C-alpha atoms as a PDB file:
ATOM      1  CA  UNK A   1      66.320 -16.114 -42.935  1.00  0.00           C
ATOM      2  CA  UNK A   2      66.749 -17.467 -39.442  1.00  0.00           C
ATOM      3  CA  UNK A   3      64.012 -18.532 -37.054  1.00  0.00           C
ATOM      4  CA  UNK A   4      64.214 -15.282 -35.045  1.00  0.00           C
ATOM      5  CA  UNK A   5      63.530 -13.216 -38.183  1.00  0.00           C
ATOM      6  CA  UNK A   6      60.593 -15.446 -39.100  1.00  0.00           C
ATOM      7  CA  UNK A   7      59.140 -15.116 -35.590  1.00  0.00           C
ATOM      8  CA  UNK A   8      59.624 -11.344 -35.640  1.00  0.00           C
ATOM      9  CA  UNK A   9      57.853 -11.063 -39.001  1.00  0.00           C
ATOM     10  CA  UNK A  10      55.017 -13.258 -37.747  1.00  0.00           C
ATOM     11  CA  UNK A  11      54.590 -11.024 -34.695  1.00  0.00           C
ATOM     12  CA  UNK A  12      54.588  -7.892 -36.876  1.00  0.00           C
ATOM     13  CA  UNK A  13      51.998  -9.450 -39.160  1.00  0.00           C
ATOM     14  CA  UNK A  14      49.839 -10.417 -36.189  1.00  0.00           C
ATOM     15  CA  UNK A  15      50.044  -6.893 -34.779  1.00  0.00           C
ATOM     16  CA  UNK A  16      49.143  -5.351 -38.150  1.00  0.00           C
ATOM     17  CA  UNK A  17      46.222  -7.754 -38.526  1.00  0.00           C
ATOM     18  CA  UNK A  18      44.906  -6.751 -35.082  1.00  0.00           C
ATOM     19  CA  UNK A  19      45.164  -3.070 -36.062  1.00  0.00           C
ATOM     20  CA  UNK A  20      43.245  -3.694 -39.294  1.00  0.00           C
ATOM     21  CA  UNK A  21      40.542  -5.584 -37.384  1.00  0.00           C
ATOM     22  CA  UNK A  22      40.192  -2.710 -34.913  1.00  0.00           C
ATOM     23  CA  UNK A  23      39.901  -0.153 -37.713  1.00  0.00           C
ATOM     24  CA  UNK A  24      37.317  -2.208 -39.575  1.00  0.00           C
ATOM     25  CA  UNK A  25      35.344  -2.749 -36.375  1.00  0.00           C
ATOM     26  CA  UNK A  26      34.846   1.022 -36.250  1.00  0.00           C
ATOM     27  CA  UNK A  27      33.456   1.156 -39.792  1.00  0.00           C
ATOM     28  CA  UNK A  28      29.737   1.200 -40.398  1.00  0.00           C
ATOM     29  CA  UNK A  29      28.442  -0.682 -43.423  1.00  0.00           C
ATOM     30  CA  UNK A  30      24.914  -0.016 -44.640  1.00  0.00           C
ATOM     31  CA  UNK A  31      22.620  -2.009 -46.896  1.00  0.00           C
ATOM     32  CA  UNK A  32      19.248  -0.861 -48.136  1.00  0.00           C
ATOM     33  CA  UNK A  33      16.756  -3.237 -49.768  1.00  0.00           C
ATOM     34  CA  UNK A  34      13.243  -3.054 -51.139  1.00  0.00           C
ATOM     35  CA  UNK A  35      13.792   0.324 -52.731  1.00  0.00           C
ATOM     36  CA  UNK A  36      14.661   1.917 -49.411  1.00  0.00           C
ATOM     37  CA  UNK A  37      12.050   0.106 -47.337  1.00  0.00           C
ATOM     38  CA  UNK A  38      14.562  -1.555 -44.975  1.00  0.00           C
ATOM     39  CA  UNK A  39      18.062  -0.401 -44.085  1.00  0.00           C
ATOM     40  CA  UNK A  40      20.494  -2.373 -41.936  1.00  0.00           C
ATOM     41  CA  UNK A  41      23.729  -1.000 -40.528  1.00  0.00           C
ATOM     42  CA  UNK A  42      26.490  -3.278 -39.219  1.00  0.00           C
ATOM     43  CA  UNK A  43      30.037  -2.679 -38.093  1.00  0.00           C
ATOM     44  CA  UNK A  44      33.187  -4.431 -39.279  1.00  0.00           C
ATOM     45  CA  UNK A  45      32.748  -7.052 -36.565  1.00  0.00           C
ATOM     46  CA  UNK A  46      29.422  -8.085 -38.151  1.00  0.00           C
ATOM     47  CA  UNK A  47      27.418  -6.678 -35.261  1.00  0.00           C
ATOM     48  CA  UNK A  48      24.033  -5.212 -36.143  1.00  0.00           C
ATOM     49  CA  UNK A  49      24.046  -1.539 -35.141  1.00  0.00           C
ATOM     50  CA  UNK A  50      20.631  -0.477 -36.375  1.00  0.00           C
ATOM     51  CA  UNK A  51      17.706  -1.416 -38.550  1.00  0.00           C
ATOM     52  CA  UNK A  52      15.361   1.116 -40.132  1.00  0.00           C
ATOM     53  CA  UNK A  53      11.974   0.077 -41.493  1.00  0.00           C
ATOM     54  CA  UNK A  54       9.838   2.358 -43.640  1.00  0.00           C
ATOM     55  CA  UNK A  55       6.370   2.688 -42.190  1.00  0.00           C
ATOM     56  CA  UNK A  56       4.777   1.796 -45.544  1.00  0.00           C
ATOM     57  CA  UNK A  57       6.228  -1.721 -45.524  1.00  0.00           C
ATOM     58  CA  UNK A  58       4.688  -2.580 -42.140  1.00  0.00           C
ATOM     59  CA  UNK A  59       1.602  -4.600 -43.017  1.00  0.00           C
ATOM     60  CA  UNK A  60       0.242  -6.859 -40.250  1.00  0.00           C
ATOM     61  CA  UNK A  61      -1.405  -9.017 -42.919  1.00  0.00           C
ATOM     62  CA  UNK A  62       1.915  -9.721 -44.676  1.00  0.00           C
ATOM     63  CA  UNK A  63       4.617 -10.209 -42.036  1.00  0.00           C
ATOM     64  CA  UNK A  64       6.614 -12.579 -44.261  1.00  0.00           C
ATOM     65  CA  UNK A  65       7.464  -9.810 -46.734  1.00  0.00           C
ATOM     66  CA  UNK A  66       8.847  -7.569 -43.982  1.00  0.00           C
ATOM     67  CA  UNK A  67      10.747 -10.468 -42.426  1.00  0.00           C
ATOM     68  CA  UNK A  68      12.325 -11.293 -45.800  1.00  0.00           C
ATOM     69  CA  UNK A  69      13.375  -7.670 -46.322  1.00  0.00           C
ATOM     70  CA  UNK A  70      14.937  -7.456 -42.857  1.00  0.00           C
ATOM     71  CA  UNK A  71      16.875 -10.694 -43.369  1.00  0.00           C
ATOM     72  CA  UNK A  72      18.030  -9.567 -46.823  1.00  0.00           C
ATOM     73  CA  UNK A  73      19.222  -6.187 -45.548  1.00  0.00           C
ATOM     74  CA  UNK A  74      21.148  -7.688 -42.631  1.00  0.00           C
ATOM     75  CA  UNK A  75      22.711 -10.451 -44.717  1.00  0.00           C
ATOM     76  CA  UNK A  76      23.789  -7.992 -47.406  1.00  0.00           C
ATOM     77  CA  UNK A  77      25.328  -5.598 -44.893  1.00  0.00           C
ATOM     78  CA  UNK A  78      27.222  -8.459 -43.241  1.00  0.00           C
ATOM     79  CA  UNK A  79      28.424  -9.703 -46.622  1.00  0.00           C
ATOM     80  CA  UNK A  80      29.764  -6.214 -47.387  1.00  0.00           C
ATOM     81  CA  UNK A  81      31.534  -6.166 -44.004  1.00  0.00           C
ATOM     82  CA  UNK A  82      33.172  -9.552 -44.699  1.00  0.00           C
ATOM     83  CA  UNK A  83      34.231  -8.372 -48.163  1.00  0.00           C
ATOM     84  CA  UNK A  84      35.804  -5.245 -46.651  1.00  0.00           C
ATOM     85  CA  UNK A  85      37.765  -7.376 -44.170  1.00  0.00           C
ATOM     86  CA  UNK A  86      38.876  -9.787 -46.887  1.00  0.00           C
ATOM     87  CA  UNK A  87      39.933  -6.866 -49.073  1.00  0.00           C
ATOM     88  CA  UNK A  88      42.073  -5.465 -46.278  1.00  0.00           C
ATOM     89  CA  UNK A  89      43.595  -8.883 -45.598  1.00  0.00           C
ATOM     90  CA  UNK A  90      44.415  -9.285 -49.299  1.00  0.00           C
ATOM     91  CA  UNK A  91      46.180  -5.911 -49.266  1.00  0.00           C
ATOM     92  CA  UNK A  92      48.080  -6.883 -46.153  1.00  0.00           C
ATOM     93  CA  UNK A  93      49.211 -10.273 -47.450  1.00  0.00           C
ATOM     94  CA  UNK A  94      49.968  -9.033 -50.945  1.00  0.00           C
ATOM     95  CA  UNK A  95      47.392 -11.427 -52.367  1.00  0.00           C
ATOM     96  CA  UNK A  96      49.019 -14.512 -50.845  1.00  0.00           C
ATOM     97  CA  UNK A  97      46.554 -17.128 -49.732  1.00  0.00           C
ATOM     98  CA  UNK A  98      47.422 -17.935 -46.131  1.00  0.00           C
ATOM     99  CA  UNK A  99      45.752 -21.126 -44.893  1.00  0.00           C
ATOM    100  CA  UNK A 100      43.253 -20.502 -42.131  1.00  0.00           C
ATOM    101  CA  UNK A 101      43.259 -16.702 -42.508  1.00  0.00           C
ATOM    102  CA  UNK A 102      40.068 -16.583 -44.560  1.00  0.00           C
ATOM    103  CA  UNK A 103      38.315 -18.711 -41.944  1.00  0.00           C
ATOM    104  CA  UNK A 104      38.787 -15.947 -39.397  1.00  0.00           C
ATOM    105  CA  UNK A 105      36.453 -13.598 -41.247  1.00  0.00           C
ATOM    106  CA  UNK A 106      33.965 -15.761 -43.104  1.00  0.00           C
END
């Protein structure tokens, strides 16, 4: 394989990776915690799209519980988004571990 072929393959890989990132950015990942009390929705870019809080969990005397549920819902949704991206990258690379690639999404 000559250098031109290697560069061409690298460019194709980079283009495919950008396409995968764009597709995943459009996905919406949802996490619900506390038996449905708090639901967080993020996109594939780990941006929070919405948060839904059940009225019953809003207790002014216990803000810490609600705060914990919100944090848990957001963190779980973001974890699912990262796992989806890593799964797509694994498919794309055929399971090869490419140095630095995992750092882009974690």
